[in-house]
Amino acid sequence: MVGFSVAVNALLAETTIPSGQTLQLVQGDITTEHVNAIVNAANEHLQHGGGVAWAIIRRGGDVIQRESDEWVRIHGPVSHAEPAWTSSGALPAKYVIHAVGPVWNEGDEDVKLAAAVTGSLNVAERLGLLSLAMPALSTGIFGFPKQRAAGVLFSVIQNHFSENPASTLKQVRIVLYDQATVNAFLRIWHDYFQS
């Protein structure tokens, strides 16, 4: 994330899903999102040493790591279905939701990714939030194929809101950093929402 030159995140696609929420695809830096919470692609021990997690700590400050350490001390390792949450330090968002996505080839990856996305939405709703930004969970160093992840994210988000029409969430932004991920997600977006 260091050296990313886009000053403002770019809206690539937007749809209103049948339950009334807005789903957006955005290219840019998730740490600059002005939403109620951002989702961090975390590991089960909330050690934020690389990728999106490192960028969040770098911009938000060490308070996020300290609160993460305290969460693990109290609750134990974070599961796919039950993300942790902390304050956001110096980030524009109020909270960081720490979701643990699956590592590719560990088994049941689609189910685990769906659980991480659903868990993130559930945490946001328990916190009474209106807006949420999430990255392309598990598609970086965890190796989840980008197009497959896009299909899981889109399906889970739409199904979650159809089953929870009274959700507090009104906007979900999927924030993508690199062009390869953008291309993969846009390809599936067009198949999923415009076919």
C-alpha atoms as a PDB file:
ATOM      1  CA  MET A   1       0.000   0.000   0.000  1.00  0.00           C
ATOM      2  CA  VAL A   2       2.997   2.290   0.372  1.00  0.00           C
ATOM      3  CA  GLY A   3       3.337   4.802  -2.426  1.00  0.00           C
ATOM      4  CA  PHE A   4      -0.203   4.392  -3.718  1.00  0.00           C
ATOM      5  CA  SER A   5      -0.687   7.585  -5.715  1.00  0.00           C
ATOM      6  CA  VAL A   6      -4.456   7.806  -6.147  1.00  0.00           C
ATOM      7  CA  ALA A   7      -5.616  10.607  -3.844  1.00  0.00           C
ATOM      8  CA  VAL A   8      -9.295   9.718  -4.020  1.00  0.00           C
ATOM      9  CA  ASN A   9     -10.674   6.224  -4.293  1.00  0.00           C
ATOM     10  CA  ALA A  10     -12.389   5.658  -7.624  1.00  0.00           C
ATOM     11  CA  LEU A  11     -15.934   4.274  -7.827  1.00  0.00           C
ATOM     12  CA  LEU A  12     -15.924   1.565 -10.518  1.00  0.00           C
ATOM     13  CA  ALA A  13     -19.411   0.080 -10.259  1.00  0.00           C
ATOM     14  CA  GLU A  14     -22.517   0.439  -8.140  1.00  0.00           C
ATOM     15  CA  THR A  15     -25.788  -1.398  -7.760  1.00  0.00           C
ATOM     16  CA  THR A  16     -28.732  -1.305  -5.416  1.00  0.00           C
ATOM     17  CA  ILE A  17     -29.512  -4.842  -4.383  1.00  0.00           C
ATOM     18  CA  PRO A  18     -33.185  -5.891  -4.053  1.00  0.00           C
ATOM     19  CA  SER A  19     -33.207  -5.374  -0.269  1.00  0.00           C
ATOM     20  CA  GLY A  20     -32.264  -1.694  -0.790  1.00  0.00           C
ATOM     21  CA  GLN A  21     -28.578  -1.615   0.179  1.00  0.00           C
ATOM     22  CA  THR A  22     -25.984  -0.082  -2.108  1.00  0.00           C
ATOM     23  CA  LEU A  23     -23.063  -2.291  -3.121  1.00  0.00           C
ATOM     24  CA  GLN A  24     -20.060  -0.580  -4.687  1.00  0.00           C
ATOM     25  CA  LEU A  25     -16.772  -1.638  -6.244  1.00  0.00           C
ATOM     26  CA  VAL A  26     -14.008   0.859  -5.581  1.00  0.00           C
ATOM     27  CA  GLN A  27     -10.353   1.023  -6.581  1.00  0.00           C
ATOM     28  CA  GLY A  28      -8.045   2.595  -4.048  1.00  0.00           C
ATOM     29  CA  ASP A  29      -6.711   2.495  -0.523  1.00  0.00           C
ATOM     30  CA  ILE A  30      -9.064   1.056   2.110  1.00  0.00           C
ATOM     31  CA  THR A  31      -7.303   3.008   4.856  1.00  0.00           C
ATOM     32  CA  THR A  32      -8.676   6.269   3.404  1.00  0.00           C
ATOM     33  CA  GLU A  33     -12.318   5.151   3.284  1.00  0.00           C
ATOM     34  CA  HIS A  34     -14.813   7.458   5.025  1.00  0.00           C
ATOM     35  CA  VAL A  35     -17.155   4.720   6.240  1.00  0.00           C
ATOM     36  CA  ASN A  36     -18.225   3.596   9.711  1.00  0.00           C
ATOM     37  CA  ALA A  37     -15.889   0.576   9.609  1.00  0.00           C
ATOM     38  CA  ILE A  38     -13.333  -1.071   7.384  1.00  0.00           C
ATOM     39  CA  VAL A  39     -12.623  -4.788   7.274  1.00  0.00           C
ATOM     40  CA  ASN A  40      -9.062  -5.922   7.788  1.00  0.00           C
ATOM     41  CA  ALA A  41      -7.816  -9.123   6.154  1.00  0.00           C
ATOM     42  CA  ALA A  42      -6.403 -10.623   9.345  1.00  0.00           C
ATOM     43  CA  ASN A  43      -4.826 -13.823  10.590  1.00  0.00           C
ATOM     44  CA  GLU A  44      -6.281 -15.694  13.564  1.00  0.00           C
ATOM     45  CA  HIS A  45      -3.779 -14.193  16.019  1.00  0.00           C
ATOM     46  CA  LEU A  46      -4.342 -10.601  14.767  1.00  0.00           C
ATOM     47  CA  GLN A  47      -0.653 -10.065  14.106  1.00  0.00           C
ATOM     48  CA  HIS A  48      -0.846  -7.289  11.501  1.00  0.00           C
ATOM     49  CA  GLY A  49       2.514  -7.656   9.774  1.00  0.00           C
ATOM     50  CA  GLY A  50       1.790  -7.577   6.049  1.00  0.00           C
ATOM     51  CA  GLY A  51      -0.568  -6.591   3.246  1.00  0.00           C
ATOM     52  CA  VAL A  52      -3.790  -4.764   4.108  1.00  0.00           C
ATOM     53  CA  ALA A  53      -3.249  -5.370   7.837  1.00  0.00           C
ATOM     54  CA  TRP A  54       0.170  -3.709   7.811  1.00  0.00           C
ATOM     55  CA  ALA A  55      -1.198  -0.717   5.881  1.00  0.00           C
ATOM     56  CA  ILE A  56      -4.019  -0.322   8.421  1.00  0.00           C
ATOM     57  CA  ILE A  57      -1.579  -0.311  11.363  1.00  0.00           C
ATOM     58  CA  ARG A  58       0.822   2.007   9.548  1.00  0.00           C
ATOM     59  CA  ARG A  59      -1.888   4.582   8.911  1.00  0.00           C
ATOM     60  CA  GLY A  60      -4.132   3.985  11.935  1.00  0.00           C
ATOM     61  CA  GLY A  61      -1.411   3.610  14.553  1.00  0.00           C
ATOM     62  CA  ASP A  62      -0.197   1.081  17.100  1.00  0.00           C
ATOM     63  CA  VAL A  63      -3.400   1.368  19.143  1.00  0.00           C
ATOM     64  CA  ILE A  64      -5.010  -1.054  16.661  1.00  0.00           C
ATOM     65  CA  GLN A  65      -2.335  -3.687  17.306  1.00  0.00           C
ATOM     66  CA  ARG A  66      -2.560  -3.175  21.085  1.00  0.00           C
ATOM     67  CA  GLU A  67      -6.346  -3.602  21.018  1.00  0.00           C
ATOM     68  CA  SER A  68      -5.952  -6.632  18.741  1.00  0.00           C
ATOM     69  CA  ASP A  69      -3.482  -8.234  21.163  1.00  0.00           C
ATOM     70  CA  GLU A  70      -5.915  -7.595  24.007  1.00  0.00           C
ATOM     71  CA  TRP A  71      -8.796  -9.142  21.994  1.00  0.00           C
ATOM     72  CA  VAL A  72      -6.812 -12.341  21.400  1.00  0.00           C
ATOM     73  CA  ARG A  73      -5.703 -12.428  25.056  1.00  0.00           C
ATOM     74  CA  ILE A  74      -9.338 -12.297  26.195  1.00  0.00           C
ATOM     75  CA  HIS A  75     -11.134 -14.236  23.429  1.00  0.00           C
ATOM     76  CA  GLY A  76      -8.431 -16.467  21.943  1.00  0.00           C
ATOM     77  CA  PRO A  77      -7.680 -16.854  18.223  1.00  0.00           C
ATOM     78  CA  VAL A  78     -10.207 -15.329  15.836  1.00  0.00           C
ATOM     79  CA  SER A  79     -12.348 -17.732  13.797  1.00  0.00           C
ATOM     80  CA  HIS A  80     -13.625 -17.291  10.249  1.00  0.00           C
ATOM     81  CA  ALA A  81     -17.226 -16.831  11.415  1.00  0.00           C
ATOM     82  CA  GLU A  82     -16.576 -14.505  14.375  1.00  0.00           C
ATOM     83  CA  PRO A  83     -14.387 -11.530  13.408  1.00  0.00           C
ATOM     84  CA  ALA A  84     -12.840  -9.310  16.064  1.00  0.00           C
ATOM     85  CA  TRP A  85     -13.192  -5.545  16.119  1.00  0.00           C
ATOM     86  CA  THR A  86     -11.129  -2.665  17.433  1.00  0.00           C
ATOM     87  CA  SER A  87     -11.086   1.091  17.259  1.00  0.00           C
ATOM     88  CA  SER A  88      -9.476   2.580  14.157  1.00  0.00           C
ATOM     89  CA  GLY A  89      -6.842   4.859  15.631  1.00  0.00           C
ATOM     90  CA  ALA A  90      -6.140   7.696  13.202  1.00  0.00           C
ATOM     91  CA  LEU A  91      -8.150   6.209  10.309  1.00  0.00           C
ATOM     92  CA  PRO A  92     -11.255   8.037   9.024  1.00  0.00           C
ATOM     93  CA  ALA A  93     -13.421   4.997   9.859  1.00  0.00           C
ATOM     94  CA  LYS A  94     -14.596   4.518  13.455  1.00  0.00           C
ATOM     95  CA  TYR A  95     -13.894   0.768  13.686  1.00  0.00           C
ATOM     96  CA  VAL A  96     -11.737  -1.938  12.158  1.00  0.00           C
ATOM     97  CA  ILE A  97     -13.376  -5.354  11.849  1.00  0.00           C
ATOM     98  CA  HIS A  98     -10.686  -8.049  11.710  1.00  0.00           C
ATOM     99  CA  ALA A  99     -11.905 -10.910   9.492  1.00  0.00           C
ATOM    100  CA  VAL A 100      -9.934 -14.121   9.041  1.00  0.00           C
ATOM    101  CA  GLY A 101     -10.281 -15.431   5.519  1.00  0.00           C
ATOM    102  CA  PRO A 102      -9.119 -18.875   4.424  1.00  0.00           C
ATOM    103  CA  VAL A 103      -5.742 -19.823   3.027  1.00  0.00           C
ATOM    104  CA  TRP A 104      -6.177 -21.380  -0.422  1.00  0.00           C
ATOM    105  CA  ASN A 105      -5.839 -25.197  -0.425  1.00  0.00           C
ATOM    106  CA  GLU A 106      -6.582 -25.599   3.306  1.00  0.00           C
ATOM    107  CA  GLY A 107     -10.005 -27.082   2.495  1.00  0.00           C
ATOM    108  CA  ASP A 108     -13.574 -25.695   2.465  1.00  0.00           C
ATOM    109  CA  GLU A 109     -12.247 -22.332   1.276  1.00  0.00           C
ATOM    110  CA  ASP A 110     -15.555 -21.092  -0.181  1.00  0.00           C
ATOM    111  CA  VAL A 111     -17.408 -21.904   3.053  1.00  0.00           C
ATOM    112  CA  LYS A 112     -14.726 -20.230   5.188  1.00  0.00           C
ATOM    113  CA  LEU A 113     -14.651 -17.110   3.000  1.00  0.00           C
ATOM    114  CA  ALA A 114     -18.451 -16.901   3.118  1.00  0.00           C
ATOM    115  CA  ALA A 115     -18.296 -17.195   6.926  1.00  0.00           C
ATOM    116  CA  ALA A 116     -15.717 -14.371   7.155  1.00  0.00           C
ATOM    117  CA  VAL A 117     -17.840 -12.057   4.988  1.00  0.00           C
ATOM    118  CA  THR A 118     -21.066 -12.911   6.831  1.00  0.00           C
ATOM    119  CA  GLY A 119     -19.310 -12.510  10.167  1.00  0.00           C
ATOM    120  CA  SER A 120     -18.064  -9.054   9.137  1.00  0.00           C
ATOM    121  CA  LEU A 121     -21.578  -7.983   8.159  1.00  0.00           C
ATOM    122  CA  ASN A 122     -22.947  -9.354  11.442  1.00  0.00           C
ATOM    123  CA  VAL A 123     -20.373  -7.438  13.515  1.00  0.00           C
ATOM    124  CA  ALA A 124     -21.151  -4.224  11.615  1.00  0.00           C
ATOM    125  CA  GLU A 125     -24.857  -4.712  12.327  1.00  0.00           C
ATOM    126  CA  ARG A 126     -24.256  -5.457  16.027  1.00  0.00           C
ATOM    127  CA  LEU A 127     -22.335  -2.181  16.187  1.00  0.00           C
ATOM    128  CA  GLY A 128     -25.271  -0.398  14.510  1.00  0.00           C
ATOM    129  CA  LEU A 129     -23.191   0.765  11.545  1.00  0.00           C
ATOM    130  CA  LEU A 130     -24.521   2.262   8.309  1.00  0.00           C
ATOM    131  CA  SER A 131     -21.500   1.777   6.034  1.00  0.00           C
ATOM    132  CA  LEU A 132     -18.714  -0.754   5.629  1.00  0.00           C
ATOM    133  CA  ALA A 133     -15.700  -1.146   3.347  1.00  0.00           C
ATOM    134  CA  MET A 134     -13.981  -4.488   2.840  1.00  0.00           C
ATOM    135  CA  PRO A 135     -11.023  -5.659   0.777  1.00  0.00           C
ATOM    136  CA  ALA A 136     -10.853  -8.689  -1.503  1.00  0.00           C
ATOM    137  CA  LEU A 137     -10.424 -11.027   1.482  1.00  0.00           C
ATOM    138  CA  SER A 138      -7.939 -13.894   1.090  1.00  0.00           C
ATOM    139  CA  THR A 139      -6.890 -12.954  -2.475  1.00  0.00           C
ATOM    140  CA  GLY A 140      -3.448 -11.630  -1.509  1.00  0.00           C
ATOM    141  CA  ILE A 141      -0.884 -13.749   0.286  1.00  0.00           C
ATOM    142  CA  PHE A 142      -3.593 -16.292   1.216  1.00  0.00           C
ATOM    143  CA  GLY A 143      -3.867 -17.159  -2.512  1.00  0.00           C
ATOM    144  CA  PHE A 144      -7.648 -17.373  -2.993  1.00  0.00           C
ATOM    145  CA  PRO A 145      -8.394 -17.048  -6.754  1.00  0.00           C
ATOM    146  CA  LYS A 146      -9.652 -13.524  -7.365  1.00  0.00           C
ATOM    147  CA  GLN A 147     -12.641 -14.271  -9.611  1.00  0.00           C
ATOM    148  CA  ARG A 148     -13.816 -17.065  -7.361  1.00  0.00           C
ATOM    149  CA  ALA A 149     -13.538 -14.766  -4.316  1.00  0.00           C
ATOM    150  CA  ALA A 150     -15.548 -12.095  -6.134  1.00  0.00           C
ATOM    151  CA  GLY A 151     -18.376 -14.571  -6.757  1.00  0.00           C
ATOM    152  CA  VAL A 152     -18.395 -15.600  -3.098  1.00  0.00           C
ATOM    153  CA  LEU A 153     -18.404 -11.992  -1.853  1.00  0.00           C
ATOM    154  CA  PHE A 154     -21.179 -10.840  -4.186  1.00  0.00           C
ATOM    155  CA  SER A 155     -23.360 -13.872  -3.446  1.00  0.00           C
ATOM    156  CA  VAL A 156     -22.885 -13.715   0.328  1.00  0.00           C
ATOM    157  CA  ILE A 157     -23.569  -9.976   0.526  1.00  0.00           C
ATOM    158  CA  GLN A 158     -26.731 -10.181  -1.564  1.00  0.00           C
ATOM    159  CA  ASN A 159     -28.001 -13.262   0.315  1.00  0.00           C
ATOM    160  CA  HIS A 160     -27.215 -11.720   3.702  1.00  0.00           C
ATOM    161  CA  PHE A 161     -29.306  -8.633   2.989  1.00  0.00           C
ATOM    162  CA  SER A 162     -32.178 -10.599   1.456  1.00  0.00           C
ATOM    163  CA  GLU A 163     -32.294 -12.599   4.720  1.00  0.00           C
ATOM    164  CA  ASN A 164     -31.823  -9.469   6.896  1.00  0.00           C
ATOM    165  CA  PRO A 165     -33.860  -6.716   5.208  1.00  0.00           C
ATOM    166  CA  ALA A 166     -33.923  -4.621   8.406  1.00  0.00           C
ATOM    167  CA  SER A 167     -30.120  -4.452   8.537  1.00  0.00           C
ATOM    168  CA  THR A 168     -28.633  -1.198   9.793  1.00  0.00           C
ATOM    169  CA  LEU A 169     -26.113  -1.349   6.948  1.00  0.00           C
ATOM    170  CA  LYS A 170     -27.051   0.762   3.941  1.00  0.00           C
ATOM    171  CA  GLN A 171     -23.772   0.735   2.010  1.00  0.00           C
ATOM    172  CA  VAL A 172     -21.052  -1.868   1.442  1.00  0.00           C
ATOM    173  CA  ARG A 173     -17.961  -0.896  -0.525  1.00  0.00           C
ATOM    174  CA  ILE A 174     -15.539  -3.534  -1.794  1.00  0.00           C
ATOM    175  CA  VAL A 175     -12.224  -1.716  -2.048  1.00  0.00           C
ATOM    176  CA  LEU A 176      -9.681  -3.207  -4.444  1.00  0.00           C
ATOM    177  CA  TYR A 177      -6.070  -2.154  -4.535  1.00  0.00           C
ATOM    178  CA  ASP A 178      -4.321  -3.556  -7.621  1.00  0.00           C
ATOM    179  CA  GLN A 179      -5.413  -3.654 -11.248  1.00  0.00           C
ATOM    180  CA  ALA A 180      -5.404  -7.476 -11.505  1.00  0.00           C
ATOM    181  CA  THR A 181      -7.916  -7.684  -8.652  1.00  0.00           C
ATOM    182  CA  VAL A 182      -9.997  -4.880 -10.159  1.00  0.00           C
ATOM    183  CA  ASN A 183     -10.133  -6.703 -13.509  1.00  0.00           C
ATOM    184  CA  ALA A 184     -11.140 -10.000 -11.881  1.00  0.00           C
ATOM    185  CA  PHE A 185     -13.861  -8.440  -9.726  1.00  0.00           C
ATOM    186  CA  LEU A 186     -15.275  -6.354 -12.592  1.00  0.00           C
ATOM    187  CA  ARG A 187     -15.497  -9.465 -14.786  1.00  0.00           C
ATOM    188  CA  ILE A 188     -17.566 -11.286 -12.167  1.00  0.00           C
ATOM    189  CA  TRP A 189     -19.555  -8.106 -11.331  1.00  0.00           C
ATOM    190  CA  HIS A 190     -20.734  -7.889 -14.953  1.00  0.00           C
ATOM    191  CA  ASP A 191     -21.674 -11.588 -14.972  1.00  0.00           C
ATOM    192  CA  TYR A 192     -23.399 -11.381 -11.588  1.00  0.00           C
ATOM    193  CA  PHE A 193     -25.241  -8.060 -11.711  1.00  0.00           C
ATOM    194  CA  GLN A 194     -25.623  -7.232 -15.389  1.00  0.00           C
ATOM    195  CA  SER A 195     -26.492 -10.547 -17.012  1.00  0.00           C
END
